[in-house]
């Protein structure tokens, strides 16, 4: 049994992989995860995973990645970079070897060019929240709709010029007051995400786009990416666990050497 842990900004994702490659997933709120299961050891917050996994689960190897990898020491775990974990996970989950990877998480965005199953180049954006899950949550709250409802709309978008998360909320409120239909406003929000990541995608372009992270569950954004870029968009099952799966793959590869 191999264990992969993605220490995300919003949620901690855990994947277990057996010798046959079967996967099992677990998710924890990040703050609750640290508060309830962490303890300070030598200046770092240590977490004992054995208390969180099903009884009797004893992973041979634990590999971790994610936002908190620099400050959280998982007991007995090896740490790998986020981009490596996501590429390994995407290759494993899709069976593809040549593609552009787009990962949109809670607070950052990543784009990577993959050839022959290997990382060639990548870009990340963790300075602005306007292309992340948190931005979508905030905009859905302004429109008083669910994320599921937001993700249904991509046609007849209202033009939202601001690509800043903070100013975007103010602009959206103004558009609401102008009386635009909710569907068009929601479509405009989804197009704003695309506009924010378009330059990174064009720089590392492929005709196949593997879309991962929690935002990959947004059906409207998938449609927008396919239409505007003219690419095939592939979303693996459980896209929010791609980083954790990549950690499992790394753990298994390491044990086979």
Foldseek 3Di string as FASTA:
>chain_A
DEKFWALEPAKIKIWDQDPVGDIDIDIDGNVCQQVVAWDDDPQATEGECCVVDPPPDDHPAYEYEYDCPVRYHYVRHHYDYQVLLLLLLLCVQPVDFFAWEWEAAAQKIKIFGGHRSDTDDIDIDRPARLQHPVLLVLQCVLLVHDSQVLLVAAPQADAQPDSGSVVSSVSLNVVVVVPDDSRNPSNNSLVSNCVVCVVRCVVNDDQEYEYAYPCVVRNNNLVVCCVVVVHHYHYGPNRNCSSRSSRRVVRVVVVVD
